[in-house]
């Protein structure tokens, strides 16, 4: 996960849910991508599938 350890304070959202914090989000898993999502927008699908997104950096 981009050199960051996931811990209990990580913010994780699933595709299709409303974004609660604008920022850079990374797909959880072996093959990842990073996407900027604005607060209130729906978390995107990845390769047409629902995934879990982890907040890397707010802003």
PDB file of N, CA and C in Angstrom:
ATOM      1  N   UNK A   1       0.834  -1.189   0.000  1.00  0.00           N
ATOM      2  CA  UNK A   1       0.000   0.000   0.000  1.00  0.00           C
ATOM      3  C   UNK A   1       0.876   1.249   0.000  1.00  0.00           C
ATOM      4  N   UNK A   2       1.536   1.531  -1.019  1.00  0.00           N
ATOM      5  CA  UNK A   2       2.363   2.727  -1.189  1.00  0.00           C
ATOM      6  C   UNK A   2       3.247   3.038   0.011  1.00  0.00           C
ATOM      7  N   UNK A   3       3.784   1.999   0.657  1.00  0.00           N
ATOM      8  CA  UNK A   3       4.688   2.212   1.769  1.00  0.00           C
ATOM      9  C   UNK A   3       4.021   2.593   3.077  1.00  0.00           C
ATOM     10  N   UNK A   4       2.712   2.739   3.081  1.00  0.00           N
ATOM     11  CA  UNK A   4       1.990   3.088   4.303  1.00  0.00           C
ATOM     12  C   UNK A   4       1.389   1.846   4.917  1.00  0.00           C
ATOM     13  N   UNK A   5       1.461   1.738   6.216  1.00  0.00           N
ATOM     14  CA  UNK A   5       0.830   0.633   6.921  1.00  0.00           C
ATOM     15  C   UNK A   5      -0.629   0.994   7.181  1.00  0.00           C
ATOM     16  N   UNK A   6      -1.537   0.054   6.908  1.00  0.00           N
ATOM     17  CA  UNK A   6      -2.946   0.283   7.218  1.00  0.00           C
ATOM     18  C   UNK A   6      -3.138   0.044   8.705  1.00  0.00           C
ATOM     19  N   UNK A   7      -3.862   0.941   9.364  1.00  0.00           N
ATOM     20  CA  UNK A   7      -4.127   0.764  10.788  1.00  0.00           C
ATOM     21  C   UNK A   7      -5.583   1.059  11.082  1.00  0.00           C
ATOM     22  N   UNK A   8      -5.935   1.018  12.362  1.00  0.00           N
ATOM     23  CA  UNK A   8      -7.333   1.218  12.745  1.00  0.00           C
ATOM     24  C   UNK A   8      -7.845   2.616  12.438  1.00  0.00           C
ATOM     25  N   UNK A   9      -6.950   3.575  12.158  1.00  0.00           N
ATOM     26  CA  UNK A   9      -7.373   4.935  11.858  1.00  0.00           C
ATOM     27  C   UNK A   9      -7.578   5.174  10.365  1.00  0.00           C
ATOM     28  N   UNK A  10      -7.309   4.171   9.526  1.00  0.00           N
ATOM     29  CA  UNK A  10      -7.486   4.307   8.086  1.00  0.00           C
ATOM     30  C   UNK A  10      -8.957   4.522   7.756  1.00  0.00           C
ATOM     31  N   UNK A  11      -9.197   5.351   6.760  1.00  0.00           N
ATOM     32  CA  UNK A  11     -10.560   5.570   6.285  1.00  0.00           C
ATOM     33  C   UNK A  11     -10.725   4.749   5.013  1.00  0.00           C
ATOM     34  N   UNK A  12     -11.665   3.821   5.042  1.00  0.00           N
ATOM     35  CA  UNK A  12     -11.896   2.907   3.924  1.00  0.00           C
ATOM     36  C   UNK A  12     -13.346   3.045   3.477  1.00  0.00           C
ATOM     37  N   UNK A  13     -13.538   3.226   2.164  1.00  0.00           N
ATOM     38  CA  UNK A  13     -14.879   3.309   1.591  1.00  0.00           C
ATOM     39  C   UNK A  13     -14.988   2.339   0.421  1.00  0.00           C
ATOM     40  N   UNK A  14     -16.185   1.835   0.177  1.00  0.00           N
ATOM     41  CA  UNK A  14     -16.419   0.897  -0.913  1.00  0.00           C
ATOM     42  C   UNK A  14     -16.958   1.646  -2.132  1.00  0.00           C
ATOM     43  N   UNK A  15     -16.658   1.123  -3.313  1.00  0.00           N
ATOM     44  CA  UNK A  15     -17.198   1.684  -4.554  1.00  0.00           C
ATOM     45  C   UNK A  15     -18.709   1.840  -4.430  1.00  0.00           C
ATOM     46  N   UNK A  16     -19.218   2.970  -4.917  1.00  0.00           N
ATOM     47  CA  UNK A  16     -20.655   3.229  -4.887  1.00  0.00           C
ATOM     48  C   UNK A  16     -21.112   4.015  -3.679  1.00  0.00           C
ATOM     49  N   UNK A  17     -20.280   4.094  -2.633  1.00  0.00           N
ATOM     50  CA  UNK A  17     -20.657   4.881  -1.457  1.00  0.00           C
ATOM     51  C   UNK A  17     -20.211   6.335  -1.652  1.00  0.00           C
ATOM     52  N   UNK A  18     -20.834   7.234  -0.925  1.00  0.00           N
ATOM     53  CA  UNK A  18     -20.499   8.658  -1.039  1.00  0.00           C
ATOM     54  C   UNK A  18     -19.162   8.935  -0.367  1.00  0.00           C
ATOM     55  N   UNK A  19     -18.331   9.696  -1.049  1.00  0.00           N
ATOM     56  CA  UNK A  19     -17.028  10.073  -0.506  1.00  0.00           C
ATOM     57  C   UNK A  19     -17.234  11.048   0.652  1.00  0.00           C
ATOM     58  N   UNK A  20     -16.592  10.782   1.781  1.00  0.00           N
ATOM     59  CA  UNK A  20     -16.767  11.612   2.970  1.00  0.00           C
ATOM     60  C   UNK A  20     -15.670  12.657   3.134  1.00  0.00           C
ATOM     61  N   UNK A  21     -14.540  12.455   2.452  1.00  0.00           N
ATOM     62  CA  UNK A  21     -13.406  13.388   2.537  1.00  0.00           C
ATOM     63  C   UNK A  21     -12.757  13.493   1.166  1.00  0.00           C
ATOM     64  N   UNK A  22     -12.619  14.712   0.647  1.00  0.00           N
ATOM     65  CA  UNK A  22     -11.917  14.903  -0.620  1.00  0.00           C
ATOM     66  C   UNK A  22     -10.459  14.529  -0.444  1.00  0.00           C
ATOM     67  N   UNK A  23      -9.901  13.849  -1.445  1.00  0.00           N
ATOM     68  CA  UNK A  23      -8.487  13.520  -1.371  1.00  0.00           C
ATOM     69  C   UNK A  23      -8.073  12.432  -2.329  1.00  0.00           C
ATOM     70  N   UNK A  24      -6.844  11.940  -2.117  1.00  0.00           N
ATOM     71  CA  UNK A  24      -6.292  10.866  -2.932  1.00  0.00           C
ATOM     72  C   UNK A  24      -6.621   9.534  -2.281  1.00  0.00           C
ATOM     73  N   UNK A  25      -7.227   8.662  -3.057  1.00  0.00           N
ATOM     74  CA  UNK A  25      -7.663   7.353  -2.577  1.00  0.00           C
ATOM     75  C   UNK A  25      -6.965   6.270  -3.376  1.00  0.00           C
ATOM     76  N   UNK A  26      -6.611   5.161  -2.705  1.00  0.00           N
ATOM     77  CA  UNK A  26      -5.935   4.041  -3.349  1.00  0.00           C
ATOM     78  C   UNK A  26      -6.776   2.779  -3.205  1.00  0.00           C
ATOM     79  N   UNK A  27      -6.833   1.990  -4.279  1.00  0.00           N
ATOM     80  CA  UNK A  27      -7.543   0.715  -4.228  1.00  0.00           C
ATOM     81  C   UNK A  27      -6.775  -0.242  -3.329  1.00  0.00           C
ATOM     82  N   UNK A  28      -7.501  -0.955  -2.474  1.00  0.00           N
ATOM     83  CA  UNK A  28      -6.903  -1.961  -1.606  1.00  0.00           C
ATOM     84  C   UNK A  28      -6.768  -3.251  -2.399  1.00  0.00           C
ATOM     85  N   UNK A  29      -5.575  -3.847  -2.400  1.00  0.00           N
ATOM     86  CA  UNK A  29      -5.360  -5.107  -3.103  1.00  0.00           C
ATOM     87  C   UNK A  29      -3.976  -5.194  -3.707  1.00  0.00           C
ATOM     88  N   UNK A  30      -3.743  -6.272  -4.467  1.00  0.00           N
ATOM     89  CA  UNK A  30      -2.432  -6.492  -5.080  1.00  0.00           C
ATOM     90  C   UNK A  30      -2.153  -5.525  -6.220  1.00  0.00           C
ATOM     91  N   UNK A  31      -3.146  -5.279  -7.054  1.00  0.00           N
ATOM     92  CA  UNK A  31      -3.001  -4.333  -8.163  1.00  0.00           C
ATOM     93  C   UNK A  31      -3.785  -3.090  -7.774  1.00  0.00           C
ATOM     94  N   UNK A  32      -3.101  -1.954  -7.703  1.00  0.00           N
ATOM     95  CA  UNK A  32      -3.756  -0.749  -7.202  1.00  0.00           C
ATOM     96  C   UNK A  32      -3.675   0.400  -8.182  1.00  0.00           C
ATOM     97  N   UNK A  33      -4.470   1.390  -7.906  1.00  0.00           N
ATOM     98  CA  UNK A  33      -4.423   2.660  -8.606  1.00  0.00           C
ATOM     99  C   UNK A  33      -4.787   3.735  -7.603  1.00  0.00           C
ATOM    100  N   UNK A  34      -4.445   4.952  -7.915  1.00  0.00           N
ATOM    101  CA  UNK A  34      -4.767   6.090  -7.058  1.00  0.00           C
ATOM    102  C   UNK A  34      -5.673   7.031  -7.835  1.00  0.00           C
ATOM    103  N   UNK A  35      -6.691   7.544  -7.163  1.00  0.00           N
ATOM    104  CA  UNK A  35      -7.639   8.447  -7.804  1.00  0.00           C
ATOM    105  C   UNK A  35      -8.011   9.563  -6.833  1.00  0.00           C
ATOM    106  N   UNK A  36      -8.184  10.778  -7.368  1.00  0.00           N
ATOM    107  CA  UNK A  36      -8.673  11.881  -6.546  1.00  0.00           C
ATOM    108  C   UNK A  36     -10.198  11.854  -6.603  1.00  0.00           C
ATOM    109  N   UNK A  37     -10.839  11.876  -5.443  1.00  0.00           N
ATOM    110  CA  UNK A  37     -12.299  11.882  -5.368  1.00  0.00           C
ATOM    111  C   UNK A  37     -12.716  13.032  -4.461  1.00  0.00           C
ATOM    112  N   UNK A  38     -13.684  13.819  -4.923  1.00  0.00           N
ATOM    113  CA  UNK A  38     -14.194  14.952  -4.149  1.00  0.00           C
ATOM    114  C   UNK A  38     -15.308  14.518  -3.205  1.00  0.00           C
ATOM    115  N   UNK A  39     -15.378  15.183  -2.062  1.00  0.00           N
ATOM    116  CA  UNK A  39     -16.413  14.913  -1.067  1.00  0.00           C
ATOM    117  C   UNK A  39     -17.787  14.992  -1.718  1.00  0.00           C
ATOM    118  N   UNK A  40     -18.633  14.006  -1.426  1.00  0.00           N
ATOM    119  CA  UNK A  40     -19.992  13.971  -1.958  1.00  0.00           C
ATOM    120  C   UNK A  40     -20.131  13.165  -3.243  1.00  0.00           C
ATOM    121  N   UNK A  41     -19.029  12.951  -3.956  1.00  0.00           N
ATOM    122  CA  UNK A  41     -19.068  12.140  -5.173  1.00  0.00           C
ATOM    123  C   UNK A  41     -19.060  10.670  -4.790  1.00  0.00           C
ATOM    124  N   UNK A  42     -19.543   9.821  -5.700  1.00  0.00           N
ATOM    125  CA  UNK A  42     -19.541   8.392  -5.441  1.00  0.00           C
ATOM    126  C   UNK A  42     -18.147   7.826  -5.668  1.00  0.00           C
ATOM    127  N   UNK A  43     -17.749   6.914  -4.798  1.00  0.00           N
ATOM    128  CA  UNK A  43     -16.466   6.232  -4.966  1.00  0.00           C
ATOM    129  C   UNK A  43     -16.565   5.377  -6.223  1.00  0.00           C
ATOM    130  N   UNK A  44     -15.551   5.448  -7.079  1.00  0.00           N
ATOM    131  CA  UNK A  44     -15.632   4.767  -8.374  1.00  0.00           C
ATOM    132  C   UNK A  44     -15.403   3.259  -8.309  1.00  0.00           C
ATOM    133  N   UNK A  45     -15.849   2.600  -9.380  1.00  0.00           N
ATOM    134  CA  UNK A  45     -15.519   1.197  -9.595  1.00  0.00           C
ATOM    135  C   UNK A  45     -14.083   1.141 -10.084  1.00  0.00           C
ATOM    136  N   UNK A  46     -13.445  -0.016  -9.980  1.00  0.00           N
ATOM    137  CA  UNK A  46     -12.105  -0.223 -10.529  1.00  0.00           C
ATOM    138  C   UNK A  46     -12.175  -1.418 -11.469  1.00  0.00           C
ATOM    139  N   UNK A  47     -11.881  -1.185 -12.730  1.00  0.00           N
ATOM    140  CA  UNK A  47     -11.978  -2.232 -13.765  1.00  0.00           C
ATOM    141  C   UNK A  47     -13.381  -2.842 -13.777  1.00  0.00           C
ATOM    142  N   UNK A  48     -14.399  -2.003 -13.548  1.00  0.00           N
ATOM    143  CA  UNK A  48     -15.788  -2.447 -13.587  1.00  0.00           C
ATOM    144  C   UNK A  48     -16.255  -3.219 -12.371  1.00  0.00           C
ATOM    145  N   UNK A  49     -15.441  -3.254 -11.318  1.00  0.00           N
ATOM    146  CA  UNK A  49     -15.803  -4.019 -10.115  1.00  0.00           C
ATOM    147  C   UNK A  49     -15.793  -3.134  -8.870  1.00  0.00           C
ATOM    148  N   UNK A  50     -16.615  -3.547  -7.888  1.00  0.00           N
ATOM    149  CA  UNK A  50     -16.601  -2.861  -6.600  1.00  0.00           C
ATOM    150  C   UNK A  50     -15.310  -3.198  -5.872  1.00  0.00           C
ATOM    151  N   UNK A  51     -14.695  -2.173  -5.291  1.00  0.00           N
ATOM    152  CA  UNK A  51     -13.451  -2.353  -4.536  1.00  0.00           C
ATOM    153  C   UNK A  51     -13.515  -1.510  -3.275  1.00  0.00           C
ATOM    154  N   UNK A  52     -12.544  -1.699  -2.412  1.00  0.00           N
ATOM    155  CA  UNK A  52     -12.410  -0.863  -1.222  1.00  0.00           C
ATOM    156  C   UNK A  52     -11.316   0.166  -1.493  1.00  0.00           C
ATOM    157  N   UNK A  53     -11.603   1.421  -1.187  1.00  0.00           N
ATOM    158  CA  UNK A  53     -10.677   2.524  -1.371  1.00  0.00           C
ATOM    159  C   UNK A  53     -10.170   2.992  -0.002  1.00  0.00           C
ATOM    160  N   UNK A  54      -8.875   3.249   0.084  1.00  0.00           N
ATOM    161  CA  UNK A  54      -8.248   3.710   1.323  1.00  0.00           C
ATOM    162  C   UNK A  54      -7.750   5.129   1.114  1.00  0.00           C
ATOM    163  N   UNK A  55      -8.096   6.045   2.022  1.00  0.00           N
ATOM    164  CA  UNK A  55      -7.663   7.425   1.919  1.00  0.00           C
ATOM    165  C   UNK A  55      -6.158   7.513   2.183  1.00  0.00           C
ATOM    166  N   UNK A  56      -5.432   8.065   1.211  1.00  0.00           N
ATOM    167  CA  UNK A  56      -3.985   8.260   1.361  1.00  0.00           C
ATOM    168  C   UNK A  56      -3.677   9.648   1.877  1.00  0.00           C
ATOM    169  N   UNK A  57      -4.375  10.649   1.302  1.00  0.00           N
ATOM    170  CA  UNK A  57      -4.061  12.050   1.615  1.00  0.00           C
ATOM    171  C   UNK A  57      -5.315  12.879   1.402  1.00  0.00           C
ATOM    172  N   UNK A  58      -5.742  13.582   2.443  1.00  0.00           N
ATOM    173  CA  UNK A  58      -6.922  14.444   2.303  1.00  0.00           C
ATOM    174  C   UNK A  58      -6.515  15.764   1.671  1.00  0.00           C
ATOM    175  N   UNK A  59      -7.506  16.408   1.071  1.00  0.00           N
ATOM    176  CA  UNK A  59      -7.221  17.716   0.486  1.00  0.00           C
ATOM    177  C   UNK A  59      -7.778  17.954  -0.823  1.00  0.00           C
TER     178      UNK A  59
END
